[in-house]
Amino acid sequence: MHPKALLDACAELVRLTLKFDHPADAIVSRFFRDHRGFGPRERATMAETVYTVLRKKLLFDHFAPSGSGPKERRLAILGFYGPGDFLRSALNEQEINWLDQCEKIKPEDLMERHRHNLPEWLVAPLKEQLGAEFWPLVESFNKGAGLDLRVNTFKAKRADVQKELAALGIKAVPTPFSPWGLRIAGKPALNKAESFKRGDFEVQDEGSQLLAMLLDAKRGEMVVDFCAGAGGKTLAIGAAMRSTGRLYAFDTSAGRLDAFKSRLARSGLSNVHPAAIAHERDDRVKRLAGKIDRVLVDAPCTGMGTLRRNPDLKWRQDMKAVEEMTVKQTAILQSAARLVKSGGRLVYATCSVLPQENEAIALAFTEANKDFVPLDAGEVLEGLKVEHAADLCSGGENGQRFLRLWPHRHQTDGFFAAVWQRQ
């Protein structure tokens, strides 16, 4: 494709994305459906350009006024993902001179906000938690995410999947913590691999795998994934149960559960039962009260732990959204807890890095529910033979340790989890 035409397409996609009326990945997908003439390379360039603009929006907003032409074009130039000489061949002389001046500016000469590219409401809680580690976290957010796989241990062994991928020229190395995981460099077309078609593996962040491990579901048990969503953790739990027992996948979105069915069929699991519920107090939930061995509450959250792959989230939310989310999280956790039978396990998890959605919710639940005894997440993972489990956890009040994963420390998305056992 001619450089000028590709840059124009990038600018248009940037314009649509910065409306923030839908998630960025949905806007990009729809754009490609509406414009089917783009090849894989063009699509990759356009998508990465958009995500670079989203990651560095404050910096590019700072540079843009000194340029010329429509703002979305200036932002696309600054964030263009591709060779510099290719980009420059699409620019006029004035744009080339402006880009050269922008590239001469040293990061250390910029204001903090133009270096971290985060909204102010998010900066304070991150600095408070991390101190000097704030800047390594910022760097990890701006690099983008890697690609992890979860081997479906019900069907295959990790070493066998690794060998089969190697035969396709795809290098996969075992994840450092999850015994189910493989980590891959780049973004190969995995859906064409026969092992994928057979259901031998799924794409799933290592942190998400560890959340499923914390539940430690056993053969023959009654288990509920209370907020199943796209079903990634459901499938991991079902495989751990060896397709025995009964695993309910609850979600308020019938659409998400329908999309999950093809993955479920590929997995070979027969113990998973997807069920759409109206809300956390649905009659389906009430009928199972006190009957369930293990319940995972992967609660809806702001998703601030996923900024490596969803950078638009930081611009589409604010502290009011966080406050509204915590009310919902508290209600969902309390309702889900009613399912757990005596001696059963409850896990509360989010993909957020904000203490309001994590420790605050967990500590308040412990205080209000004396029949739920906090468990040490580190000890649970050590019992499951997870190496360096203590490095994955942070301390809370009353001696309880929580799973606390950070992109810059653990090369996963940001995750939190708390564990309880009902007396």
Protein backbone atom coordinates (compact mmCIF):
# COMPACT_ATOMS: atom_id res chain seq x y z
CA MET A 1 0.00 0.00 0.00
CA HIS A 2 1.19 3.53 -0.78
CA PRO A 3 2.60 5.23 2.37
CA LYS A 4 0.25 8.22 2.03
CA ALA A 5 -2.83 5.99 1.80
CA LEU A 6 -1.72 3.96 4.83
CA LEU A 7 -1.06 7.10 6.89
CA ASP A 8 -4.50 8.47 5.93
CA ALA A 9 -6.10 5.21 7.09
CA CYS A 10 -4.16 5.36 10.37
CA ALA A 11 -5.34 8.93 10.93
CA GLU A 12 -8.96 7.98 10.34
CA LEU A 13 -8.73 5.07 12.76
CA VAL A 14 -7.11 7.34 15.36
CA ARG A 15 -9.97 9.82 14.92
CA LEU A 16 -12.59 7.13 15.49
CA THR A 17 -10.81 5.65 18.49
CA LEU A 18 -10.35 8.97 20.28
CA LYS A 19 -14.10 9.48 20.43
CA PHE A 20 -13.94 6.96 23.30
CA ASP A 21 -17.53 5.89 22.67
CA HIS A 22 -16.56 2.20 22.45
CA PRO A 23 -13.56 0.08 23.54
CA ALA A 24 -10.57 0.53 21.27
CA ASP A 25 -10.33 -3.12 20.29
CA ALA A 26 -13.99 -3.10 19.19
CA ILE A 27 -13.46 0.04 17.09
CA VAL A 28 -10.36 -1.42 15.43
CA SER A 29 -12.13 -4.72 14.69
CA ARG A 30 -15.13 -2.98 13.20
CA PHE A 31 -12.93 -0.72 11.06
CA PHE A 32 -11.19 -3.75 9.59
CA ARG A 33 -14.54 -5.47 8.93
CA ASP A 34 -15.72 -2.36 7.09
CA HIS A 35 -12.45 -2.05 5.14
CA ARG A 36 -11.50 -5.55 4.04
CA GLY A 37 -8.89 -4.45 1.51
CA PHE A 38 -6.11 -4.12 4.08
CA GLY A 39 -3.58 -6.93 4.32
CA PRO A 40 -2.07 -8.33 7.54
CA ARG A 41 0.87 -5.90 7.53
CA GLU A 42 -1.33 -2.86 7.00
CA ARG A 43 -3.68 -3.99 9.76
CA ALA A 44 -0.79 -4.52 12.16
CA THR A 45 0.61 -1.06 11.38
CA MET A 46 -2.76 0.62 11.86
CA ALA A 47 -3.61 -1.19 15.09
CA GLU A 48 -0.20 -0.59 16.67
CA THR A 49 -0.29 3.07 15.63
CA VAL A 50 -3.62 3.52 17.39
CA TYR A 51 -2.42 1.77 20.54
CA THR A 52 0.78 3.83 20.60
CA VAL A 53 -1.32 7.01 20.42
CA LEU A 54 -3.47 5.76 23.31
CA ARG A 55 -0.43 4.83 25.41
CA LYS A 56 1.32 8.17 24.85
CA LYS A 57 -1.68 10.44 24.44
CA LEU A 58 -0.57 13.20 26.84
CA LEU A 59 2.87 13.41 25.23
CA PHE A 60 1.46 13.49 21.71
CA ASP A 61 -1.19 16.04 22.71
CA HIS A 62 1.71 18.17 23.95
CA PHE A 63 3.60 17.88 20.63
CA ALA A 64 0.61 18.11 18.28
CA PRO A 65 -0.19 21.88 18.45
CA SER A 66 3.18 22.77 16.91
CA GLY A 67 2.39 20.70 13.80
CA SER A 68 0.05 21.32 10.88
CA GLY A 69 -2.94 19.56 9.37
CA PRO A 70 -5.77 17.70 11.13
CA LYS A 71 -4.94 16.69 14.70
CA GLU A 72 -5.62 13.00 14.12
CA ARG A 73 -3.05 13.04 11.29
CA ARG A 74 -0.45 14.65 13.57
CA LEU A 75 -1.13 12.03 16.26
CA ALA A 76 -0.90 9.22 13.69
CA ILE A 77 2.47 10.58 12.51
CA LEU A 78 3.81 10.67 16.08
CA GLY A 79 2.57 7.17 16.85
CA PHE A 80 3.23 5.58 13.47
CA TYR A 81 4.30 1.96 13.82
CA GLY A 82 6.78 1.24 11.07
CA PRO A 83 10.08 2.28 9.47
CA GLY A 84 10.89 5.98 9.72
CA ASP A 85 11.82 6.30 6.06
CA PHE A 86 8.50 4.73 5.03
CA LEU A 87 6.63 7.26 7.16
CA ARG A 88 8.65 10.22 5.91
CA SER A 89 7.87 9.33 2.31
CA ALA A 90 4.20 10.10 3.15
CA LEU A 91 4.96 13.52 4.66
CA ASN A 92 5.44 16.98 3.21
CA GLU A 93 8.53 19.01 4.05
CA GLN A 94 6.84 20.95 6.84
CA GLU A 95 5.69 17.72 8.53
CA ILE A 96 9.16 16.18 8.24
CA ASN A 97 10.77 19.21 9.89
CA TRP A 98 8.16 19.15 12.68
CA LEU A 99 8.65 15.40 13.31
CA ASP A 100 12.43 15.87 13.42
CA GLN A 101 12.04 18.58 16.07
CA CYS A 102 9.73 16.37 18.15
CA GLU A 103 12.17 13.46 18.02
CA LYS A 104 15.03 15.65 19.27
CA ILE A 105 13.28 16.30 22.60
CA LYS A 106 14.80 14.20 25.39
CA PRO A 107 12.45 12.38 27.80
CA GLU A 108 14.27 13.81 30.82
CA ASP A 109 13.38 17.34 29.64
CA LEU A 110 9.64 16.60 29.69
CA MET A 111 7.15 17.22 32.47
CA GLU A 112 6.15 14.15 34.51
CA ARG A 113 2.70 13.93 32.96
CA HIS A 114 4.20 13.78 29.48
CA ARG A 115 6.48 10.95 30.60
CA HIS A 116 3.99 8.75 32.43
CA ASN A 117 0.98 9.45 30.17
CA LEU A 118 -1.50 8.58 32.91
CA PRO A 119 -4.54 10.54 34.11
CA GLU A 120 -3.89 12.30 37.41
CA TRP A 121 -6.57 10.33 39.28
CA LEU A 122 -4.56 7.16 38.60
CA VAL A 123 -1.08 8.50 39.37
CA ALA A 124 -1.55 9.07 43.11
CA PRO A 125 -2.67 5.54 44.12
CA LEU A 126 0.06 3.96 41.99
CA LYS A 127 2.82 6.14 43.45
CA GLU A 128 1.53 5.51 46.96
CA GLN A 129 1.74 1.74 46.47
CA LEU A 130 4.94 1.51 44.46
CA GLY A 131 7.17 4.45 45.34
CA ALA A 132 10.26 4.27 43.11
CA GLU A 133 8.74 1.33 41.23
CA PHE A 134 6.14 3.66 39.72
CA TRP A 135 8.38 4.42 36.72
CA PRO A 136 9.18 0.76 35.91
CA LEU A 137 5.43 0.14 35.96
CA VAL A 138 4.87 3.04 33.57
CA GLU A 139 7.51 1.61 31.25
CA SER A 140 5.83 -1.81 31.27
CA PHE A 141 2.41 -0.26 30.54
CA ASN A 142 3.87 1.53 27.52
CA LYS A 143 5.64 -1.52 26.10
CA GLY A 144 2.54 -3.57 25.44
CA ALA A 145 1.83 -7.12 26.56
CA GLY A 146 3.45 -10.39 25.63
CA LEU A 147 1.57 -13.53 24.64
CA ASP A 148 0.94 -16.38 27.08
CA LEU A 149 -0.76 -19.69 26.42
CA ARG A 150 -2.44 -22.08 28.84
CA VAL A 151 -2.03 -25.73 27.91
CA ASN A 152 -5.28 -27.66 28.28
CA THR A 153 -3.94 -30.32 30.66
CA PHE A 154 -7.10 -32.36 30.21
CA LYS A 155 -6.01 -33.04 26.64
CA ALA A 156 -2.30 -32.37 26.32
CA LYS A 157 1.04 -31.96 28.08
CA ARG A 158 2.97 -28.70 28.10
CA ALA A 159 6.15 -30.26 26.71
CA ASP A 160 4.26 -31.82 23.78
CA VAL A 161 2.56 -28.53 22.86
CA GLN A 162 5.91 -26.76 23.12
CA LYS A 163 7.49 -29.24 20.70
CA GLU A 164 4.62 -29.00 18.23
CA LEU A 165 4.85 -25.20 18.20
CA ALA A 166 8.62 -25.40 17.74
CA ALA A 167 8.05 -27.53 14.65
CA LEU A 168 6.01 -24.62 13.26
CA GLY A 169 8.86 -22.20 13.97
CA ILE A 170 7.15 -20.77 17.06
CA LYS A 171 9.43 -20.59 20.08
CA ALA A 172 7.53 -21.11 23.34
CA VAL A 173 9.13 -21.20 26.80
CA PRO A 174 7.49 -22.35 30.05
CA THR A 175 6.00 -19.54 32.12
CA PRO A 176 7.95 -18.97 35.35
CA PHE A 177 5.04 -19.50 37.75
CA SER A 178 2.10 -21.31 36.18
CA PRO A 179 2.77 -25.01 35.42
CA TRP A 180 0.16 -24.77 32.66
CA GLY A 181 1.68 -21.87 30.75
CA LEU A 182 3.87 -21.16 27.74
CA ARG A 183 5.18 -17.73 26.76
CA ILE A 184 5.65 -16.73 23.12
CA ALA A 185 7.56 -13.88 21.51
CA GLY A 186 5.75 -11.91 18.84
CA LYS A 187 2.23 -12.53 17.58
CA PRO A 188 2.20 -15.62 15.38
CA ALA A 189 -1.02 -16.91 13.79
CA LEU A 190 -1.72 -19.51 16.46
CA ASN A 191 -5.28 -20.20 15.35
CA LYS A 192 -3.88 -22.02 12.32
CA ALA A 193 -1.95 -24.52 14.44
CA GLU A 194 -3.47 -28.00 14.60
CA SER A 195 -2.85 -28.08 18.36
CA PHE A 196 -5.02 -25.00 18.74
CA LYS A 197 -7.78 -26.48 16.58
CA ARG A 198 -7.69 -29.63 18.73
CA GLY A 199 -8.14 -27.52 21.87
CA ASP A 200 -4.71 -28.33 23.30
CA PHE A 201 -4.14 -24.71 24.36
CA GLU A 202 -5.81 -21.34 24.81
CA VAL A 203 -4.39 -17.82 24.84
CA GLN A 204 -4.43 -16.74 28.50
CA ASP A 205 -2.21 -14.44 30.54
CA GLU A 206 -0.14 -16.26 33.16
CA GLY A 207 -1.70 -14.15 35.90
CA SER A 208 -5.16 -15.28 34.90
CA GLN A 209 -3.96 -18.88 35.09
CA LEU A 210 -2.76 -18.33 38.65
CA LEU A 211 -6.19 -17.05 39.67
CA ALA A 212 -7.72 -20.32 38.48
CA MET A 213 -5.03 -22.25 40.37
CA LEU A 214 -5.91 -20.47 43.63
CA LEU A 215 -9.37 -22.00 43.52
CA ASP A 216 -7.70 -25.46 43.53
CA ALA A 217 -10.85 -27.18 42.25
CA LYS A 218 -10.88 -30.97 42.71
CA ARG A 219 -12.37 -33.87 40.81
CA GLY A 220 -16.06 -34.41 41.40
CA GLU A 221 -16.72 -31.10 43.18
CA MET A 222 -19.47 -28.54 42.68
CA VAL A 223 -17.82 -25.29 41.52
CA VAL A 224 -19.05 -21.88 40.35
CA ASP A 225 -17.23 -19.31 38.23
CA PHE A 226 -19.49 -16.45 39.24
CA CYS A 227 -18.44 -13.88 36.62
CA ALA A 228 -17.33 -16.18 33.82
CA GLY A 229 -17.12 -13.59 31.02
CA ALA A 230 -15.29 -15.02 28.02
CA GLY A 231 -14.66 -18.25 29.93
CA GLY A 232 -10.87 -18.38 30.09
CA LYS A 233 -10.71 -19.19 33.79
CA THR A 234 -13.73 -21.49 33.51
CA LEU A 235 -11.86 -23.67 31.03
CA ALA A 236 -8.75 -23.72 33.23
CA ILE A 237 -10.84 -24.78 36.24
CA GLY A 238 -12.69 -27.44 34.24
CA ALA A 239 -9.39 -28.94 33.08
CA ALA A 240 -8.11 -29.00 36.67
CA MET A 241 -11.27 -30.92 37.61
CA ARG A 242 -10.50 -33.42 34.80
CA SER A 243 -13.95 -32.77 33.32
CA THR A 244 -15.63 -34.32 36.38
CA GLY A 245 -18.08 -32.85 38.88
CA ARG A 246 -20.17 -29.84 37.90
CA LEU A 247 -18.83 -26.41 36.99
CA TYR A 248 -21.31 -23.57 36.57
CA ALA A 249 -20.24 -20.61 34.43
CA PHE A 250 -22.47 -17.69 35.47
CA ASP A 251 -22.52 -14.32 33.73
CA THR A 252 -25.03 -11.51 33.22
CA SER A 253 -24.17 -11.37 29.50
CA ALA A 254 -25.76 -14.11 27.43
CA GLY A 255 -23.73 -12.83 24.47
CA ARG A 256 -20.42 -13.47 26.22
CA LEU A 257 -21.55 -16.96 27.18
CA ASP A 258 -22.63 -17.71 23.61
CA ALA A 259 -19.22 -16.63 22.33
CA PHE A 260 -17.67 -18.95 24.91
CA LYS A 261 -19.39 -22.06 23.50
CA SER A 262 -16.98 -22.62 20.61
CA ARG A 263 -14.03 -22.53 23.01
CA LEU A 264 -15.82 -24.91 25.33
CA ALA A 265 -16.47 -27.36 22.49
CA ARG A 266 -12.81 -27.26 21.47
CA SER A 267 -11.68 -27.90 25.05
CA GLY A 268 -13.33 -31.32 25.24
CA LEU A 269 -14.77 -30.57 28.70
CA SER A 270 -18.18 -31.99 29.54
CA ASN A 271 -18.55 -30.71 33.11
CA VAL A 272 -19.08 -27.01 32.28
CA HIS A 273 -22.62 -25.58 32.39
CA PRO A 274 -22.90 -21.95 31.13
CA ALA A 275 -25.88 -20.07 32.57
CA ALA A 276 -26.93 -16.45 32.04
CA ILE A 277 -28.19 -14.74 35.20
CA ALA A 278 -30.07 -11.46 35.50
CA HIS A 279 -28.04 -10.22 38.48
CA GLU A 280 -26.13 -11.51 41.49
CA ARG A 281 -29.40 -12.26 43.34
CA ASP A 282 -30.87 -14.36 40.52
CA ASP A 283 -33.02 -17.38 41.49
CA ARG A 284 -30.43 -19.71 39.93
CA VAL A 285 -27.96 -18.39 42.49
CA LYS A 286 -30.37 -18.71 45.42
CA ARG A 287 -31.09 -22.38 44.64
CA LEU A 288 -27.40 -23.23 45.01
CA ALA A 289 -26.91 -21.42 48.34
CA GLY A 290 -24.69 -23.39 50.72
CA LYS A 291 -24.13 -26.22 48.22
CA ILE A 292 -20.95 -25.22 46.37
CA ASP A 293 -17.44 -26.46 47.18
CA ARG A 294 -15.57 -23.59 45.51
CA VAL A 295 -16.59 -20.20 44.12
CA LEU A 296 -14.46 -17.86 42.02
CA VAL A 297 -15.58 -14.22 41.86
CA ASP A 298 -13.53 -12.67 39.07
CA ALA A 299 -15.36 -9.40 39.62
CA PRO A 300 -16.05 -6.70 37.04
CA CYS A 301 -13.49 -3.96 37.59
CA THR A 302 -11.84 -0.93 36.01
CA GLY A 303 -9.27 -3.17 34.33
CA MET A 304 -6.39 -0.90 35.32
CA GLY A 305 -4.12 -3.93 35.45
CA THR A 306 -4.57 -4.51 31.71
CA LEU A 307 -3.28 -1.16 30.41
CA ARG A 308 -0.53 -2.92 28.47
CA ARG A 309 -3.18 -4.32 26.13
CA ASN A 310 -6.11 -1.95 26.80
CA PRO A 311 -4.55 1.54 27.08
CA ASP A 312 -7.85 3.27 26.25
CA LEU A 313 -9.29 2.23 29.64
CA LYS A 314 -7.30 4.91 31.47
CA TRP A 315 -8.94 7.63 29.36
CA ARG A 316 -12.45 6.21 29.51
CA GLN A 317 -12.76 6.11 33.32
CA ASP A 318 -12.27 8.30 36.37
CA MET A 319 -12.43 8.07 40.17
CA LYS A 320 -16.22 8.27 40.09
CA ALA A 321 -16.24 5.11 37.96
CA VAL A 322 -13.97 3.44 40.53
CA GLU A 323 -16.35 4.36 43.35
CA GLU A 324 -19.33 3.00 41.41
CA MET A 325 -17.41 -0.18 40.65
CA THR A 326 -16.58 -0.85 44.30
CA VAL A 327 -20.27 -0.77 45.22
CA LYS A 328 -20.95 -3.39 42.56
CA GLN A 329 -17.96 -5.51 43.59
CA THR A 330 -19.05 -5.54 47.24
CA ALA A 331 -22.57 -6.66 46.32
CA ILE A 332 -21.37 -9.37 43.94
CA LEU A 333 -18.88 -10.82 46.43
CA GLN A 334 -21.47 -10.88 49.21
CA SER A 335 -24.02 -12.67 47.02
CA ALA A 336 -21.49 -15.17 45.68
CA ALA A 337 -20.35 -16.00 49.21
CA ARG A 338 -23.80 -17.38 50.01
CA LEU A 339 -23.14 -20.24 47.60
CA VAL A 340 -20.16 -21.57 49.52
CA LYS A 341 -20.82 -24.53 51.79
CA SER A 342 -19.11 -25.13 55.13
CA GLY A 343 -15.48 -26.02 54.50
CA GLY A 344 -15.66 -24.56 50.99
CA ARG A 345 -13.36 -22.01 49.37
CA LEU A 346 -14.10 -18.50 48.07
CA VAL A 347 -11.72 -16.53 45.81
CA TYR A 348 -12.23 -12.83 44.99
CA ALA A 349 -10.17 -11.52 42.09
CA THR A 350 -9.81 -8.48 39.82
CA CYS A 351 -7.55 -7.35 36.99
CA SER A 352 -7.13 -3.98 38.70
CA VAL A 353 -4.12 -2.46 40.47
CA LEU A 354 -6.21 -0.07 42.59
CA PRO A 355 -6.42 -0.83 46.33
CA GLN A 356 -10.01 0.47 46.42
CA GLU A 357 -11.06 -2.48 44.25
CA ASN A 358 -8.75 -4.98 45.89
CA GLU A 359 -7.53 -4.90 49.49
CA ALA A 360 -10.32 -2.57 50.61
CA ILE A 361 -13.02 -4.93 49.29
CA ALA A 362 -11.34 -8.03 50.74
CA LEU A 363 -10.72 -6.56 54.20
CA ALA A 364 -14.26 -5.22 54.44
CA PHE A 365 -15.65 -8.63 53.49
CA THR A 366 -13.55 -10.37 56.15
CA GLU A 367 -14.75 -7.91 58.77
CA ALA A 368 -18.42 -8.38 57.83
CA ASN A 369 -18.31 -12.20 57.45
CA LYS A 370 -16.77 -13.86 60.48
CA ASP A 371 -17.62 -17.34 59.18
CA PHE A 372 -15.12 -16.84 56.32
CA VAL A 373 -11.55 -17.40 57.48
CA PRO A 374 -8.86 -15.65 55.40
CA LEU A 375 -6.26 -17.93 53.82
CA ASP A 376 -2.72 -16.95 52.88
CA ALA A 377 -2.56 -16.84 49.07
CA GLY A 378 1.19 -17.48 49.16
CA GLU A 379 0.76 -20.65 51.21
CA VAL A 380 -2.00 -21.86 48.89
CA LEU A 381 0.26 -21.43 45.85
CA GLU A 382 3.23 -23.01 47.63
CA GLY A 383 1.03 -26.03 48.33
CA LEU A 384 0.36 -26.22 44.59
CA LYS A 385 4.12 -26.29 43.88
CA VAL A 386 4.21 -22.78 42.37
CA GLU A 387 7.84 -21.64 42.48
CA HIS A 388 8.64 -18.38 44.29
CA ALA A 389 5.00 -18.08 45.38
CA ALA A 390 5.92 -15.64 48.15
CA ASP A 391 7.18 -13.17 45.53
CA LEU A 392 3.68 -13.05 44.03
CA CYS A 393 2.00 -11.90 47.22
CA SER A 394 1.68 -8.85 49.43
CA GLY A 395 0.65 -8.57 53.06
CA GLY A 396 -2.64 -7.25 54.32
CA GLU A 397 -4.04 -6.56 57.74
CA ASN A 398 -4.51 -9.46 60.17
CA GLY A 399 -1.58 -11.26 58.56
CA GLN A 400 -3.49 -12.22 55.42
CA ARG A 401 -1.43 -12.20 52.22
CA PHE A 402 -3.04 -11.50 48.88
CA LEU A 403 -1.98 -12.46 45.38
CA ARG A 404 -0.71 -9.18 43.89
CA LEU A 405 0.72 -9.35 40.38
CA TRP A 406 2.36 -6.40 38.64
CA PRO A 407 3.39 -6.13 34.97
CA HIS A 408 6.86 -4.77 35.74
CA ARG A 409 7.61 -7.38 38.42
CA HIS A 410 5.97 -10.51 37.08
CA GLN A 411 5.49 -9.86 33.33
CA THR A 412 1.77 -10.52 33.71
CA ASP A 413 -1.21 -8.20 33.70
CA GLY A 414 -1.95 -6.57 37.04
CA PHE A 415 -4.03 -8.97 39.15
CA PHE A 416 -5.32 -9.25 42.70
CA ALA A 417 -6.85 -12.18 44.57
CA ALA A 418 -7.98 -12.94 48.12
CA VAL A 419 -8.88 -16.40 49.43
CA TRP A 420 -11.20 -17.55 52.24
CA GLN A 421 -12.49 -20.81 53.68
CA ARG A 422 -15.99 -20.96 55.14
CA GLN A 423 -16.23 -22.46 58.62
